[in-house]
Amino acid sequence: MKTVNLADKLSQFASHWDPHVVADYNDNDVMVVKFIGEFPFHKHDTTDDFFLVLEGEMEMDIQGQPSRMVKAGELFVVPKGVVHRPRAAKEVKVLLIEPKGEPNSGDADREPAPKPRI
């Protein structure tokens, strides 16, 4: 058991759309990521997608629905099977929780990120 300083972990990398594992929670990876721009529309067939905005703000586009703004201190959960796309006009820092082995790209044609541990 140890304390994880998220600001310290986020300071260790500058890349975008590149989640880094900072802790384990049951059979899940707890990760931090920075991003700007938009990710492709995708879905996860077997798991929900968890986003907690730590700094900045992001929009979550949901296919067939209005976009949702998610600000620092807010979280957003996309139910499994729902087509979505996170995006941000300015850099945003986010905490993610995903089952171990779940590709961050879901069913998109985008190559999944490797998810290194820091």
C-alpha atoms as a PDB file:
ATOM      1  CA  MET A   1       0.000   0.000   0.000  1.00  0.00           C
ATOM      2  CA  LYS A   2       1.264   3.432  -0.912  1.00  0.00           C
ATOM      3  CA  THR A   3       0.105   6.943  -1.656  1.00  0.00           C
ATOM      4  CA  VAL A   4       0.112   7.946  -5.322  1.00  0.00           C
ATOM      5  CA  ASN A   5       0.667  11.619  -6.113  1.00  0.00           C
ATOM      6  CA  LEU A   6      -1.210  12.176  -9.381  1.00  0.00           C
ATOM      7  CA  ALA A   7       0.403  15.547 -10.115  1.00  0.00           C
ATOM      8  CA  ASP A   8       3.841  13.945  -9.755  1.00  0.00           C
ATOM      9  CA  LYS A   9       2.873  11.078 -12.061  1.00  0.00           C
ATOM     10  CA  LEU A  10       1.467  13.477 -14.671  1.00  0.00           C
ATOM     11  CA  SER A  11       4.709  15.498 -14.578  1.00  0.00           C
ATOM     12  CA  GLN A  12       6.678  12.414 -15.683  1.00  0.00           C
ATOM     13  CA  PHE A  13       5.442  12.470 -19.284  1.00  0.00           C
ATOM     14  CA  ALA A  14       4.373  15.019 -21.913  1.00  0.00           C
ATOM     15  CA  SER A  15       2.748  12.783 -24.548  1.00  0.00           C
ATOM     16  CA  HIS A  16      -0.945  12.871 -25.395  1.00  0.00           C
ATOM     17  CA  TRP A  17      -3.406   9.965 -25.679  1.00  0.00           C
ATOM     18  CA  ASP A  18      -0.814   7.845 -23.880  1.00  0.00           C
ATOM     19  CA  PRO A  19      -2.281   6.484 -20.610  1.00  0.00           C
ATOM     20  CA  HIS A  20       0.145   5.530 -17.850  1.00  0.00           C
ATOM     21  CA  VAL A  21      -0.770   3.041 -15.122  1.00  0.00           C
ATOM     22  CA  VAL A  22      -0.291   4.478 -11.628  1.00  0.00           C
ATOM     23  CA  ALA A  23      -2.112   1.872  -9.503  1.00  0.00           C
ATOM     24  CA  ASP A  24      -4.062  -1.368  -9.531  1.00  0.00           C
ATOM     25  CA  TYR A  25      -7.644  -1.598  -8.315  1.00  0.00           C
ATOM     26  CA  ASN A  26      -9.038  -5.134  -8.242  1.00  0.00           C
ATOM     27  CA  ASP A  27      -8.592  -6.296 -11.855  1.00  0.00           C
ATOM     28  CA  ASN A  28      -8.421  -2.734 -13.164  1.00  0.00           C
ATOM     29  CA  ASP A  29      -5.671  -0.345 -14.204  1.00  0.00           C
ATOM     30  CA  VAL A  30      -5.881   3.119 -12.670  1.00  0.00           C
ATOM     31  CA  MET A  31      -4.235   5.456 -15.179  1.00  0.00           C
ATOM     32  CA  VAL A  32      -3.481   9.091 -15.846  1.00  0.00           C
ATOM     33  CA  VAL A  33      -3.499  10.566 -19.326  1.00  0.00           C
ATOM     34  CA  LYS A  34      -3.116  13.950 -20.997  1.00  0.00           C
ATOM     35  CA  PHE A  35      -4.887  14.753 -24.205  1.00  0.00           C
ATOM     36  CA  ILE A  36      -5.752  17.488 -26.642  1.00  0.00           C
ATOM     37  CA  GLY A  37      -7.723  17.233 -29.867  1.00  0.00           C
ATOM     38  CA  GLU A  38     -10.097  14.345 -30.437  1.00  0.00           C
ATOM     39  CA  PHE A  39      -9.955  10.582 -30.159  1.00  0.00           C
ATOM     40  CA  PRO A  40     -11.813   8.518 -32.789  1.00  0.00           C
ATOM     41  CA  PHE A  41     -15.371   7.435 -32.118  1.00  0.00           C
ATOM     42  CA  HIS A  42     -15.315   3.972 -30.543  1.00  0.00           C
ATOM     43  CA  LYS A  43     -17.044   1.704 -28.047  1.00  0.00           C
ATOM     44  CA  HIS A  44     -16.118  -0.918 -25.485  1.00  0.00           C
ATOM     45  CA  ASP A  45     -18.411  -3.940 -25.742  1.00  0.00           C
ATOM     46  CA  THR A  46     -17.661  -5.481 -22.339  1.00  0.00           C
ATOM     47  CA  THR A  47     -16.853  -2.602 -19.989  1.00  0.00           C
ATOM     48  CA  ASP A  48     -17.909   0.911 -19.038  1.00  0.00           C
ATOM     49  CA  ASP A  49     -15.408   3.728 -19.696  1.00  0.00           C
ATOM     50  CA  PHE A  50     -14.521   5.867 -16.629  1.00  0.00           C
ATOM     51  CA  PHE A  51     -13.146   9.442 -16.916  1.00  0.00           C
ATOM     52  CA  LEU A  52     -12.334  11.766 -13.989  1.00  0.00           C
ATOM     53  CA  VAL A  53     -11.098  15.182 -15.120  1.00  0.00           C
ATOM     54  CA  LEU A  54      -8.257  16.320 -12.874  1.00  0.00           C
ATOM     55  CA  GLU A  55      -7.310  19.535 -14.664  1.00  0.00           C
ATOM     56  CA  GLY A  56      -8.876  21.376 -17.610  1.00  0.00           C
ATOM     57  CA  GLU A  57     -12.057  20.319 -19.334  1.00  0.00           C
ATOM     58  CA  MET A  58     -13.077  17.861 -21.991  1.00  0.00           C
ATOM     59  CA  GLU A  59     -16.109  17.197 -24.111  1.00  0.00           C
ATOM     60  CA  MET A  60     -17.580  13.749 -24.431  1.00  0.00           C
ATOM     61  CA  ASP A  61     -19.299  13.182 -27.736  1.00  0.00           C
ATOM     62  CA  ILE A  62     -21.946  10.457 -27.594  1.00  0.00           C
ATOM     63  CA  GLN A  63     -23.242   9.180 -30.915  1.00  0.00           C
ATOM     64  CA  GLY A  64     -26.774  10.478 -31.515  1.00  0.00           C
ATOM     65  CA  GLN A  65     -26.796  12.727 -28.410  1.00  0.00           C
ATOM     66  CA  PRO A  66     -25.589  16.219 -27.503  1.00  0.00           C
ATOM     67  CA  SER A  67     -21.966  16.526 -26.350  1.00  0.00           C
ATOM     68  CA  ARG A  68     -21.328  16.722 -22.606  1.00  0.00           C
ATOM     69  CA  MET A  69     -18.793  19.127 -21.083  1.00  0.00           C
ATOM     70  CA  VAL A  70     -16.819  17.533 -18.229  1.00  0.00           C
ATOM     71  CA  LYS A  71     -14.822  19.954 -16.060  1.00  0.00           C
ATOM     72  CA  ALA A  72     -12.090  19.540 -13.446  1.00  0.00           C
ATOM     73  CA  GLY A  73     -13.452  17.658 -10.451  1.00  0.00           C
ATOM     74  CA  GLU A  74     -16.199  15.981 -12.487  1.00  0.00           C
ATOM     75  CA  LEU A  75     -16.401  12.415 -13.688  1.00  0.00           C
ATOM     76  CA  PHE A  76     -18.178  10.824 -16.604  1.00  0.00           C
ATOM     77  CA  VAL A  77     -18.940   7.141 -17.145  1.00  0.00           C
ATOM     78  CA  VAL A  78     -19.765   5.883 -20.637  1.00  0.00           C
ATOM     79  CA  PRO A  79     -21.812   2.660 -20.410  1.00  0.00           C
ATOM     80  CA  LYS A  80     -20.459  -0.371 -22.238  1.00  0.00           C
ATOM     81  CA  GLY A  81     -21.522  -0.573 -25.879  1.00  0.00           C
ATOM     82  CA  VAL A  82     -22.104   3.195 -26.234  1.00  0.00           C
ATOM     83  CA  VAL A  83     -20.214   4.844 -29.115  1.00  0.00           C
ATOM     84  CA  HIS A  84     -18.286   7.860 -27.803  1.00  0.00           C
ATOM     85  CA  ARG A  85     -15.338  10.168 -28.410  1.00  0.00           C
ATOM     86  CA  PRO A  86     -13.473  12.263 -25.822  1.00  0.00           C
ATOM     87  CA  ARG A  87     -11.990  15.532 -27.047  1.00  0.00           C
ATOM     88  CA  ALA A  88     -10.454  18.698 -25.677  1.00  0.00           C
ATOM     89  CA  ALA A  89      -9.682  22.091 -27.209  1.00  0.00           C
ATOM     90  CA  LYS A  90      -6.850  22.610 -24.674  1.00  0.00           C
ATOM     91  CA  GLU A  91      -4.774  20.031 -22.850  1.00  0.00           C
ATOM     92  CA  VAL A  92      -6.732  18.155 -20.217  1.00  0.00           C
ATOM     93  CA  LYS A  93      -5.474  15.767 -17.519  1.00  0.00           C
ATOM     94  CA  VAL A  94      -7.682  12.800 -16.755  1.00  0.00           C
ATOM     95  CA  LEU A  95      -7.751   9.760 -14.474  1.00  0.00           C
ATOM     96  CA  LEU A  96      -9.031   6.600 -16.174  1.00  0.00           C
ATOM     97  CA  ILE A  97     -10.055   3.232 -14.780  1.00  0.00           C
ATOM     98  CA  GLU A  98     -10.190   0.251 -17.163  1.00  0.00           C
ATOM     99  CA  PRO A  99     -10.010  -3.518 -16.780  1.00  0.00           C
ATOM    100  CA  LYS A 100      -6.482  -4.838 -17.250  1.00  0.00           C
ATOM    101  CA  GLY A 101      -5.902  -5.693 -20.895  1.00  0.00           C
ATOM    102  CA  GLU A 102      -8.732  -3.488 -22.231  1.00  0.00           C
ATOM    103  CA  PRO A 103      -7.426  -1.534 -25.239  1.00  0.00           C
ATOM    104  CA  ASN A 104      -8.010   2.199 -24.810  1.00  0.00           C
ATOM    105  CA  SER A 105      -9.016   2.355 -28.477  1.00  0.00           C
ATOM    106  CA  GLY A 106     -11.998   0.026 -28.045  1.00  0.00           C
ATOM    107  CA  ASP A 107     -13.244  -1.035 -31.465  1.00  0.00           C
ATOM    108  CA  ALA A 108     -11.643   1.931 -33.315  1.00  0.00           C
ATOM    109  CA  ASP A 109      -9.062   1.363 -36.054  1.00  0.00           C
ATOM    110  CA  ARG A 110      -6.569   3.325 -33.922  1.00  0.00           C
ATOM    111  CA  GLU A 111      -3.643   1.343 -32.513  1.00  0.00           C
ATOM    112  CA  PRO A 112      -4.102   0.846 -28.740  1.00  0.00           C
ATOM    113  CA  ALA A 113      -1.693   2.677 -26.439  1.00  0.00           C
ATOM    114  CA  PRO A 114       0.779   0.426 -24.563  1.00  0.00           C
ATOM    115  CA  LYS A 115      -0.125   1.725 -21.034  1.00  0.00           C
ATOM    116  CA  PRO A 116       3.295   1.792 -19.348  1.00  0.00           C
ATOM    117  CA  ARG A 117       3.495   1.746 -15.557  1.00  0.00           C
ATOM    118  CA  ILE A 118       5.008   4.769 -13.792  1.00  0.00           C
END
